[in-house]
Protein backbone atom coordinates (compact mmCIF):
# COMPACT_ATOMS: atom_id res chain seq x y z
CA MET A 1 179.47 9.95 166.12
CA ALA A 2 176.52 12.15 166.99
CA LYS A 3 174.89 11.93 170.37
CA ASN A 4 172.07 13.70 172.05
CA SER A 5 172.88 16.49 174.43
CA ILE A 6 174.57 15.39 177.63
CA ILE A 7 173.96 17.34 180.84
CA LEU A 8 177.11 18.96 182.25
CA LEU A 9 175.41 20.97 184.98
CA THR A 10 171.90 21.34 186.30
CA SER A 11 170.62 24.43 188.07
CA SER A 12 173.09 26.41 190.16
CA ALA A 13 170.24 27.82 192.26
CA GLY A 14 171.21 28.13 195.91
CA VAL A 15 174.98 27.71 195.40
CA LEU A 16 177.73 30.12 194.53
CA ASN A 17 180.29 27.72 193.05
CA VAL A 18 179.73 24.26 191.62
CA THR A 19 181.73 21.70 189.66
CA GLY A 20 179.68 19.25 187.61
CA GLN A 21 180.27 15.54 187.37
CA ALA A 22 182.66 14.33 184.68
CA VAL A 23 180.98 13.09 181.49
CA LYS A 24 182.53 11.02 178.71
CA GLY A 25 183.78 12.94 175.70
CA PRO A 26 184.29 11.71 172.13
CA GLY A 27 187.88 10.65 172.85
CA TYR A 28 186.57 8.15 175.41
CA TYR A 29 184.92 6.27 172.54
CA GLY A 30 187.99 6.54 170.29
CA TYR A 31 186.69 9.33 168.07
CA SER A 32 189.49 11.74 167.29
CA ARG A 33 187.59 14.42 165.33
CA GLY A 34 186.10 15.85 168.54
CA ILE A 35 183.89 18.75 167.48
CA LEU A 36 181.90 19.68 170.58
CA THR A 37 179.20 22.27 171.13
CA THR A 38 178.32 23.40 174.62
CA ALA A 39 175.27 25.47 175.43
CA ILE A 40 174.14 27.13 178.63
CA SER A 41 170.87 28.64 179.69
CA ILE A 42 171.13 31.42 182.29
CA HIS A 43 168.75 33.65 184.20
CA ASN A 44 170.03 36.92 185.75
CA PHE A 45 173.40 35.16 185.95
CA VAL A 46 176.50 36.81 187.34
CA GLY A 47 179.59 34.62 187.33
CA ARG A 48 181.96 32.59 185.22
CA PHE A 49 181.27 29.40 183.30
CA TYR A 50 184.18 27.10 182.58
CA LEU A 51 184.21 24.09 180.29
CA GLN A 52 187.01 21.81 181.42
CA ALA A 53 188.47 18.77 179.71
CA SER A 54 190.78 15.90 180.49
CA LEU A 55 192.79 13.62 178.23
CA SER A 56 193.27 11.08 181.01
CA THR A 57 191.21 7.89 181.06
CA ASN A 58 190.93 8.20 184.85
CA PRO A 59 191.37 11.92 185.62
CA GLY A 60 192.62 13.16 188.95
CA GLN A 61 192.25 16.72 190.22
CA ASN A 62 195.37 17.92 188.34
CA ASP A 63 194.35 16.37 184.99
CA TRP A 64 191.76 19.02 184.09
CA PHE A 65 192.34 22.04 181.86
CA PRO A 66 189.99 24.75 180.56
CA LEU A 67 188.71 24.84 177.00
CA TRP A 68 188.80 28.50 176.01
CA LEU A 69 185.27 29.64 175.17
CA GLU A 70 186.14 33.30 174.69
CA GLY A 71 189.26 34.65 173.03
CA THR A 72 190.63 36.49 176.06
CA ALA A 73 190.00 34.14 178.98
CA PRO A 74 189.56 30.42 179.77
CA TYR A 75 185.91 31.04 180.74
CA ALA A 76 182.81 32.97 179.74
CA GLN A 77 182.04 35.74 182.22
CA PHE A 78 178.58 37.18 182.77
CA PRO A 79 177.33 39.73 182.35
CA PHE A 80 179.23 40.01 179.06
CA ASP A 81 178.78 43.77 179.21
CA PRO A 82 178.51 44.94 182.84
CA ASN A 83 177.18 48.30 181.61
CA ASN A 84 174.34 46.63 179.69
CA PRO A 85 173.17 43.39 181.38
CA THR A 86 170.39 41.47 179.63
CA GLY A 87 168.63 40.39 182.83
CA ASP A 88 167.65 41.84 186.18
CA ASN A 89 169.94 42.53 189.15
CA GLY A 90 172.92 43.22 186.88
CA GLY A 91 173.13 39.71 185.41
CA ASP A 92 172.55 38.23 181.95
CA THR A 93 169.57 36.15 180.82
CA GLY A 94 169.58 34.00 177.69
CA ASN A 95 171.09 31.04 175.92
CA TYR A 96 174.73 30.95 174.84
CA ALA A 97 176.70 28.38 172.84
CA TRP A 98 180.31 27.72 171.83
CA THR A 99 182.01 25.15 169.63
CA VAL A 100 185.42 23.71 170.42
CA GLN A 101 187.46 20.90 168.94
CA GLY A 102 189.71 18.34 170.58
CA ASN A 103 190.25 14.67 171.26
CA ILE A 104 188.64 15.06 174.69
CA VAL A 105 188.20 12.02 176.92
CA TRP A 106 186.26 13.65 179.78
CA LEU A 107 184.38 16.96 180.18
CA ARG A 108 182.85 18.90 183.03
CA GLY A 109 181.23 22.28 183.59
CA ILE A 110 182.02 24.72 186.38
CA VAL A 111 180.26 27.78 187.79
CA ASP A 112 182.68 30.04 189.65
CA ARG A 113 181.90 33.19 191.55
CA SER A 114 184.87 33.18 193.92
CA TYR A 115 186.27 36.31 192.25
CA LEU A 116 183.20 38.37 193.24
CA PRO A 117 183.48 40.51 196.38
CA LEU A 118 181.16 38.95 199.00
CA PRO A 119 178.57 37.55 196.58
CA GLN A 120 175.06 36.88 197.85
CA ILE A 121 172.96 34.03 196.40
CA ALA A 122 170.02 36.37 195.78
CA ASP A 123 172.19 38.69 193.67
CA VAL A 124 173.94 36.29 191.28
CA GLY A 125 171.12 34.56 189.39
CA THR A 126 171.19 31.02 188.08
CA LEU A 127 172.85 28.90 185.47
CA GLN A 128 169.78 26.83 184.63
CA SER A 129 171.57 24.15 182.60
CA ALA A 130 174.77 23.40 180.72
CA LEU A 131 174.76 20.82 177.93
CA ILE A 132 177.37 19.32 175.62
CA ASN A 133 176.75 17.75 172.22
CA TYR A 134 179.23 15.92 170.02
């Protein structure tokens, strides 16, 4: 089953932390192969992006788990290289994509900056969009 891109998150402008609405994954439709590609577009972004999944048909708060995008953590953290950011103000700018596999029923995207010491909106840039395709 191939679908068009589904929006996980829209712009994070003006907020530090945001959890996107749950969207149906391939497992919701009974497809077990579950190859998913997520892509984000960021501008001067400082923070973490999580892709979370649930196997529950009606997920509660404790039914979500992270899909590991990077090998060392359950999130992608920006800037990737704090000594060499690709954007202004110490953040990264660009488009990034990851592929994961699983029989996922629901998906959601999360921007988290709670680990930053006293972050200011003007200093952390924007996740412009997060999309999922399967």
